Every structure is written in C-alpha cells, then in structure tokens.
PDB file of all heavy atoms in Angstrom:
ATOM      1  N   LYS A   1       0.843  -1.187   0.000  1.00  0.00           N
ATOM      2  CA  LYS A   1       0.000   0.000   0.000  1.00  0.00           C
ATOM      3  C   LYS A   1       0.882   1.243   0.000  1.00  0.00           C
ATOM      4  O   LYS A   1       1.962   1.262   0.566  1.00  0.00           O
ATOM      5  CB  LYS A   1      -0.920  -0.002   1.219  1.00  0.00           C
ATOM      6  CG  LYS A   1      -1.942  -1.138   1.212  1.00  0.00           C
ATOM      7  CD  LYS A   1      -2.879  -1.033   2.392  1.00  0.00           C
ATOM      8  CE  LYS A   1      -3.910  -2.150   2.357  1.00  0.00           C
ATOM      9  NZ  LYS A   1      -4.841  -2.084   3.501  1.00  0.00           N
ATOM     10  N   THR A   2       0.409   2.288  -0.641  1.00  0.00           N
ATOM     11  CA  THR A   2       1.151   3.536  -0.687  1.00  0.00           C
ATOM     12  C   THR A   2       0.177   4.683  -0.816  1.00  0.00           C
ATOM     13  O   THR A   2      -0.910   4.536  -1.378  1.00  0.00           O
ATOM     14  CB  THR A   2       2.142   3.560  -1.870  1.00  0.00           C
ATOM     15  OG1 THR A   2       2.769   4.837  -1.907  1.00  0.00           O
ATOM     16  CG2 THR A   2       1.435   3.294  -3.194  1.00  0.00           C
ATOM     17  N   ASP A   3       0.551   5.842  -0.267  1.00  0.00           N
ATOM     18  CA  ASP A   3      -0.270   7.032  -0.416  1.00  0.00           C
ATOM     19  C   ASP A   3       0.121   7.826  -1.657  1.00  0.00           C
ATOM     20  O   ASP A   3      -0.528   8.819  -1.986  1.00  0.00           O
ATOM     21  CB  ASP A   3      -0.122   7.922   0.826  1.00  0.00           C
ATOM     22  CG  ASP A   3      -0.710   7.260   2.068  1.00  0.00           C
ATOM     23  OD1 ASP A   3      -1.684   6.510   1.920  1.00  0.00           O
ATOM     24  OD2 ASP A   3      -0.179   7.505   3.166  1.00  0.00           O
ATOM     25  N   LYS A   4       1.172   7.414  -2.330  1.00  0.00           N
ATOM     26  CA  LYS A   4       1.599   8.104  -3.547  1.00  0.00           C
ATOM     27  C   LYS A   4       0.663   7.766  -4.711  1.00  0.00           C
ATOM     28  O   LYS A   4       0.042   6.706  -4.736  1.00  0.00           O
ATOM     29  CB  LYS A   4       3.029   7.696  -3.899  1.00  0.00           C
ATOM     30  CG  LYS A   4       4.080   8.171  -2.908  1.00  0.00           C
ATOM     31  CD  LYS A   4       5.470   7.801  -3.396  1.00  0.00           C
ATOM     32  CE  LYS A   4       6.544   8.356  -2.480  1.00  0.00           C
ATOM     33  NZ  LYS A   4       7.906   8.013  -2.980  1.00  0.00           N
ATOM     34  N   PRO A   5       0.571   8.673  -5.683  1.00  0.00           N
ATOM     35  CA  PRO A   5      -0.312   8.395  -6.823  1.00  0.00           C
ATOM     36  C   PRO A   5       0.193   7.220  -7.663  1.00  0.00           C
ATOM     37  O   PRO A   5       1.379   6.890  -7.650  1.00  0.00           O
ATOM     38  CB  PRO A   5      -0.287   9.699  -7.621  1.00  0.00           C
ATOM     39  CG  PRO A   5       1.004  10.354  -7.248  1.00  0.00           C
ATOM     40  CD  PRO A   5       1.238   9.988  -5.808  1.00  0.00           C
ATOM     41  N   ILE A   6      -0.717   6.624  -8.395  1.00  0.00           N
ATOM     42  CA  ILE A   6      -0.384   5.563  -9.333  1.00  0.00           C
ATOM     43  C   ILE A   6      -0.155   6.206 -10.694  1.00  0.00           C
ATOM     44  O   ILE A   6      -1.043   6.882 -11.230  1.00  0.00           O
ATOM     45  CB  ILE A   6      -1.498   4.514  -9.400  1.00  0.00           C
ATOM     46  CG1 ILE A   6      -1.642   3.825  -8.041  1.00  0.00           C
ATOM     47  CG2 ILE A   6      -1.212   3.492 -10.496  1.00  0.00           C
ATOM     48  CD1 ILE A   6      -2.869   2.940  -7.923  1.00  0.00           C
ATOM     49  N   LEU A   7       1.028   6.026 -11.237  1.00  0.00           N
ATOM     50  CA  LEU A   7       1.401   6.615 -12.521  1.00  0.00           C
ATOM     51  C   LEU A   7       1.057   5.644 -13.648  1.00  0.00           C
ATOM     52  O   LEU A   7       1.424   4.465 -13.594  1.00  0.00           O
ATOM     53  CB  LEU A   7       2.906   6.926 -12.537  1.00  0.00           C
ATOM     54  CG  LEU A   7       3.522   7.335 -13.867  1.00  0.00           C
ATOM     55  CD1 LEU A   7       2.941   8.668 -14.353  1.00  0.00           C
ATOM     56  CD2 LEU A   7       5.053   7.420 -13.744  1.00  0.00           C
ATOM     57  N   ILE A   8       0.345   6.140 -14.663  1.00  0.00           N
ATOM     58  CA  ILE A   8       0.038   5.340 -15.846  1.00  0.00           C
ATOM     59  C   ILE A   8       0.611   6.059 -17.056  1.00  0.00           C
ATOM     60  O   ILE A   8       0.104   7.102 -17.473  1.00  0.00           O
ATOM     61  CB  ILE A   8      -1.474   5.132 -16.041  1.00  0.00           C
ATOM     62  CG1 ILE A   8      -2.127   4.592 -14.773  1.00  0.00           C
ATOM     63  CG2 ILE A   8      -1.722   4.182 -17.215  1.00  0.00           C
ATOM     64  CD1 ILE A   8      -3.640   4.441 -14.879  1.00  0.00           C
ATOM     65  N   THR A   9       1.701   5.531 -17.634  1.00  0.00           N
ATOM     66  CA  THR A   9       2.209   6.100 -18.876  1.00  0.00           C
ATOM     67  C   THR A   9       1.324   5.608 -20.023  1.00  0.00           C
ATOM     68  O   THR A   9       0.910   4.455 -20.050  1.00  0.00           O
ATOM     69  CB  THR A   9       3.671   5.699 -19.133  1.00  0.00           C
ATOM     70  OG1 THR A   9       3.747   4.311 -19.488  1.00  0.00           O
ATOM     71  CG2 THR A   9       4.539   5.975 -17.912  1.00  0.00           C
ATOM     72  N   GLY A  10       1.020   6.513 -20.952  1.00  0.00           N
ATOM     73  CA  GLY A  10       0.049   6.166 -21.980  1.00  0.00           C
ATOM     74  C   GLY A  10      -1.343   6.026 -21.394  1.00  0.00           C
ATOM     75  O   GLY A  10      -2.193   5.314 -21.934  1.00  0.00           O
ATOM     76  N   GLY A  11      -1.594   6.739 -20.304  1.00  0.00           N
ATOM     77  CA  GLY A  11      -2.818   6.545 -19.538  1.00  0.00           C
ATOM     78  C   GLY A  11      -4.075   7.093 -20.170  1.00  0.00           C
ATOM     79  O   GLY A  11      -5.174   6.782 -19.711  1.00  0.00           O
ATOM     80  N   ALA A  12      -3.944   7.892 -21.241  1.00  0.00           N
ATOM     81  CA  ALA A  12      -5.133   8.375 -21.938  1.00  0.00           C
ATOM     82  C   ALA A  12      -5.575   7.394 -23.024  1.00  0.00           C
ATOM     83  O   ALA A  12      -6.605   7.609 -23.665  1.00  0.00           O
ATOM     84  CB  ALA A  12      -4.879   9.749 -22.553  1.00  0.00           C
ATOM     85  N   GLY A  13      -4.807   6.346 -23.240  1.00  0.00           N
ATOM     86  CA  GLY A  13      -5.182   5.333 -24.213  1.00  0.00           C
ATOM     87  C   GLY A  13      -6.296   4.442 -23.703  1.00  0.00           C
ATOM     88  O   GLY A  13      -6.798   4.593 -22.579  1.00  0.00           O
ATOM     89  N   PHE A  14      -6.664   3.502 -24.528  1.00  0.00           N
ATOM     90  CA  PHE A  14      -7.791   2.611 -24.241  1.00  0.00           C
ATOM     91  C   PHE A  14      -7.623   1.849 -22.925  1.00  0.00           C
ATOM     92  O   PHE A  14      -8.474   1.913 -22.025  1.00  0.00           O
ATOM     93  CB  PHE A  14      -7.949   1.685 -25.447  1.00  0.00           C
ATOM     94  CG  PHE A  14      -8.464   0.315 -25.169  1.00  0.00           C
ATOM     95  CD1 PHE A  14      -9.690   0.120 -24.548  1.00  0.00           C
ATOM     96  CD2 PHE A  14      -7.725  -0.797 -25.544  1.00  0.00           C
ATOM     97  CE1 PHE A  14     -10.169  -1.160 -24.314  1.00  0.00           C
ATOM     98  CE2 PHE A  14      -8.194  -2.069 -25.321  1.00  0.00           C
ATOM     99  CZ  PHE A  14      -9.419  -2.255 -24.691  1.00  0.00           C
ATOM    100  N   ILE A  15      -6.514   1.146 -22.765  1.00  0.00           N
ATOM    101  CA  ILE A  15      -6.311   0.351 -21.554  1.00  0.00           C
ATOM    102  C   ILE A  15      -6.095   1.264 -20.351  1.00  0.00           C
ATOM    103  O   ILE A  15      -6.658   1.048 -19.280  1.00  0.00           O
ATOM    104  CB  ILE A  15      -5.139  -0.623 -21.736  1.00  0.00           C
ATOM    105  CG1 ILE A  15      -5.488  -1.679 -22.790  1.00  0.00           C
ATOM    106  CG2 ILE A  15      -4.781  -1.301 -20.406  1.00  0.00           C
ATOM    107  CD1 ILE A  15      -4.337  -2.607 -23.150  1.00  0.00           C
ATOM    108  N   GLY A  16      -5.292   2.305 -20.537  1.00  0.00           N
ATOM    109  CA  GLY A  16      -5.036   3.234 -19.443  1.00  0.00           C
ATOM    110  C   GLY A  16      -6.291   3.894 -18.918  1.00  0.00           C
ATOM    111  O   GLY A  16      -6.449   4.083 -17.706  1.00  0.00           O
ATOM    112  N   THR A  17      -7.206   4.240 -19.817  1.00  0.00           N
ATOM    113  CA  THR A  17      -8.456   4.883 -19.407  1.00  0.00           C
ATOM    114  C   THR A  17      -9.296   3.958 -18.543  1.00  0.00           C
ATOM    115  O   THR A  17      -9.829   4.363 -17.497  1.00  0.00           O
ATOM    116  CB  THR A  17      -9.248   5.321 -20.649  1.00  0.00           C
ATOM    117  OG1 THR A  17      -8.493   6.301 -21.364  1.00  0.00           O
ATOM    118  CG2 THR A  17     -10.599   5.905 -20.258  1.00  0.00           C
ATOM    119  N   ASN A  18      -9.428   2.706 -18.963  1.00  0.00           N
ATOM    120  CA  ASN A  18     -10.208   1.753 -18.185  1.00  0.00           C
ATOM    121  C   ASN A  18      -9.575   1.478 -16.828  1.00  0.00           C
ATOM    122  O   ASN A  18     -10.274   1.367 -15.815  1.00  0.00           O
ATOM    123  CB  ASN A  18     -10.373   0.455 -18.971  1.00  0.00           C
ATOM    124  CG  ASN A  18     -11.423   0.553 -20.055  1.00  0.00           C
ATOM    125  OD1 ASN A  18     -12.618   0.391 -19.811  1.00  0.00           O
ATOM    126  ND2 ASN A  18     -10.984   0.836 -21.280  1.00  0.00           N
ATOM    127  N   LEU A  19      -8.253   1.378 -16.789  1.00  0.00           N
ATOM    128  CA  LEU A  19      -7.566   1.158 -15.518  1.00  0.00           C
ATOM    129  C   LEU A  19      -7.677   2.380 -14.618  1.00  0.00           C
ATOM    130  O   LEU A  19      -7.972   2.255 -13.413  1.00  0.00           O
ATOM    131  CB  LEU A  19      -6.096   0.817 -15.769  1.00  0.00           C
ATOM    132  CG  LEU A  19      -5.227   0.659 -14.527  1.00  0.00           C
ATOM    133  CD1 LEU A  19      -5.718  -0.479 -13.635  1.00  0.00           C
ATOM    134  CD2 LEU A  19      -3.762   0.433 -14.920  1.00  0.00           C
ATOM    135  N   ALA A  20      -7.435   3.571 -15.179  1.00  0.00           N
ATOM    136  CA  ALA A  20      -7.511   4.799 -14.381  1.00  0.00           C
ATOM    137  C   ALA A  20      -8.903   4.962 -13.775  1.00  0.00           C
ATOM    138  O   ALA A  20      -9.039   5.366 -12.610  1.00  0.00           O
ATOM    139  CB  ALA A  20      -7.157   6.008 -15.251  1.00  0.00           C
ATOM    140  N   ASP A  21      -9.928   4.655 -14.538  1.00  0.00           N
ATOM    141  CA  ASP A  21     -11.297   4.764 -14.035  1.00  0.00           C
ATOM    142  C   ASP A  21     -11.513   3.847 -12.835  1.00  0.00           C
ATOM    143  O   ASP A  21     -12.047   4.262 -11.811  1.00  0.00           O
ATOM    144  CB  ASP A  21     -12.264   4.408 -15.162  1.00  0.00           C
ATOM    145  CG  ASP A  21     -13.719   4.523 -14.739  1.00  0.00           C
ATOM    146  OD1 ASP A  21     -14.094   5.564 -14.185  1.00  0.00           O
ATOM    147  OD2 ASP A  21     -14.476   3.561 -14.973  1.00  0.00           O
ATOM    148  N   ARG A  22     -11.077   2.601 -12.964  1.00  0.00           N
ATOM    149  CA  ARG A  22     -11.260   1.644 -11.870  1.00  0.00           C
ATOM    150  C   ARG A  22     -10.472   2.073 -10.632  1.00  0.00           C
ATOM    151  O   ARG A  22     -10.981   1.992  -9.503  1.00  0.00           O
ATOM    152  CB  ARG A  22     -10.811   0.254 -12.319  1.00  0.00           C
ATOM    153  CG  ARG A  22     -10.967  -0.828 -11.258  1.00  0.00           C
ATOM    154  CD  ARG A  22     -12.331  -1.428 -11.240  1.00  0.00           C
ATOM    155  NE  ARG A  22     -12.560  -2.211 -12.453  1.00  0.00           N
ATOM    156  CZ  ARG A  22     -12.161  -3.473 -12.628  1.00  0.00           C
ATOM    157  NH1 ARG A  22     -11.524  -4.114 -11.659  1.00  0.00           N
ATOM    158  NH2 ARG A  22     -12.415  -4.110 -13.751  1.00  0.00           N
ATOM    159  N   LEU A  23      -9.241   2.500 -10.818  1.00  0.00           N
ATOM    160  CA  LEU A  23      -8.411   2.916  -9.687  1.00  0.00           C
ATOM    161  C   LEU A  23      -9.004   4.131  -8.977  1.00  0.00           C
ATOM    162  O   LEU A  23      -9.064   4.185  -7.745  1.00  0.00           O
ATOM    163  CB  LEU A  23      -6.996   3.226 -10.162  1.00  0.00           C
ATOM    164  CG  LEU A  23      -6.162   2.038 -10.626  1.00  0.00           C
ATOM    165  CD1 LEU A  23      -4.893   2.517 -11.310  1.00  0.00           C
ATOM    166  CD2 LEU A  23      -5.812   1.121  -9.458  1.00  0.00           C
ATOM    167  N   ALA A  24      -9.456   5.111  -9.767  1.00  0.00           N
ATOM    168  CA  ALA A  24     -10.028   6.306  -9.162  1.00  0.00           C
ATOM    169  C   ALA A  24     -11.318   5.991  -8.421  1.00  0.00           C
ATOM    170  O   ALA A  24     -11.576   6.539  -7.337  1.00  0.00           O
ATOM    171  CB  ALA A  24     -10.278   7.367 -10.242  1.00  0.00           C
ATOM    172  N   LEU A  25     -12.123   5.101  -8.968  1.00  0.00           N
ATOM    173  CA  LEU A  25     -13.351   4.695  -8.289  1.00  0.00           C
ATOM    174  C   LEU A  25     -13.063   4.026  -6.951  1.00  0.00           C
ATOM    175  O   LEU A  25     -13.860   4.111  -6.018  1.00  0.00           O
ATOM    176  CB  LEU A  25     -14.158   3.747  -9.181  1.00  0.00           C
ATOM    177  CG  LEU A  25     -14.891   4.371 -10.368  1.00  0.00           C
ATOM    178  CD1 LEU A  25     -15.494   3.282 -11.249  1.00  0.00           C
ATOM    179  CD2 LEU A  25     -15.976   5.337  -9.907  1.00  0.00           C
ATOM    180  N   SER A  26     -11.904   3.361  -6.867  1.00  0.00           N
ATOM    181  CA  SER A  26     -11.533   2.684  -5.620  1.00  0.00           C
ATOM    182  C   SER A  26     -10.880   3.629  -4.616  1.00  0.00           C
ATOM    183  O   SER A  26     -10.531   3.211  -3.509  1.00  0.00           O
ATOM    184  CB  SER A  26     -10.587   1.523  -5.918  1.00  0.00           C
ATOM    185  OG  SER A  26      -9.304   1.996  -6.318  1.00  0.00           O
TER     186      SER A  26
END
C-alpha cells in the first residue's frame, strides 16, 4: 500500500483509461 499516486504512462489510451477509471473509483 502507498499514499503516492499511481502513474500510468500512456494513460489516456484505451487500456489506461479503463484502468484509471477503476483505480479512481476505488
């Protein structure tokens, strides 16, 4: 566990968007 943000390179792409959405929802 960490309080630091999760970095997603290429995060505006298809896979990054779906992952970012799930992470932010959590």
